């Protein structure tokens, strides 16, 4: 990457985390995030989940929290994306990093892009159908925005346009996203942003500090990347393996004495 900055502090970055029925993942995410960015602004917005633990979690990790209206349903178009940008622009800084709750921060960024762009892991084909894309998508597990790009997209009004309600004619230009809209009734946050960037000619930049996939197994250690996604499957498997080991340990304690005693017990009736 030619145009980048390698000097920044916590105040130059704001992180955005949207939550919905995923408290345990949010807790793990924030714990790791704060290890590496203790002073950065963190914005948490609940997409309609009024679980009181989120507010408590935000207080613990010194994050801004608000309970928002559920905007993921497809009839809301790009309002969820707009909400994120507006929350960021209330207290703007040089960068906005949007991460999912199953995204993990392993270390600080070595550098960050400069100028007018959105950055992250670029997808050039869809996840399931492997349909080639004419215009890339920044995978939504970790999406970076420079202040210039965030402000331009938010102020353009494109995310509030009614045209986004017609997903087939706008952001859902492939079978994967059409299926999500019509079978699940949900927008695809990253493909909505992709559409906005394409219309506004905002560059999408490949950022090799991030490794983000729609589905797959990512090592818990991060493989050298600063940020990786996803971790739901990996951590679920880790939890199951830990549970199995615990159960084996408990059973060993219960069964072992009996087995040992049986091994030394005389066979047959000694009084017979």
Foldseek 3Di string as FASTA:
>chain_A
DPAWFQDDAQQQEEEEEEDDPPVVLLLQALVQVCVARVPHEYEYEYQQHVPVVVVVSCVVSVYHYDYDHNQFFLQNFLVVVLVVLVVCVVPDHFKYKYAYSQKHFQHDDSIGGDDFAKEAAWDQADDPPRHGHPFIWHDRRIIMGGPNNSVVLNVVCPRRDSVRSVVCVFQCVDPVQVCCCPVVRGHRNRSSVSRSCVVVVGYYYYDVLEAEDPDDDADPNRPNHRMYDGCPVVVVVVVVVVVVVVVVVVVCVVVVVVVVVVVPDDPDDPVD
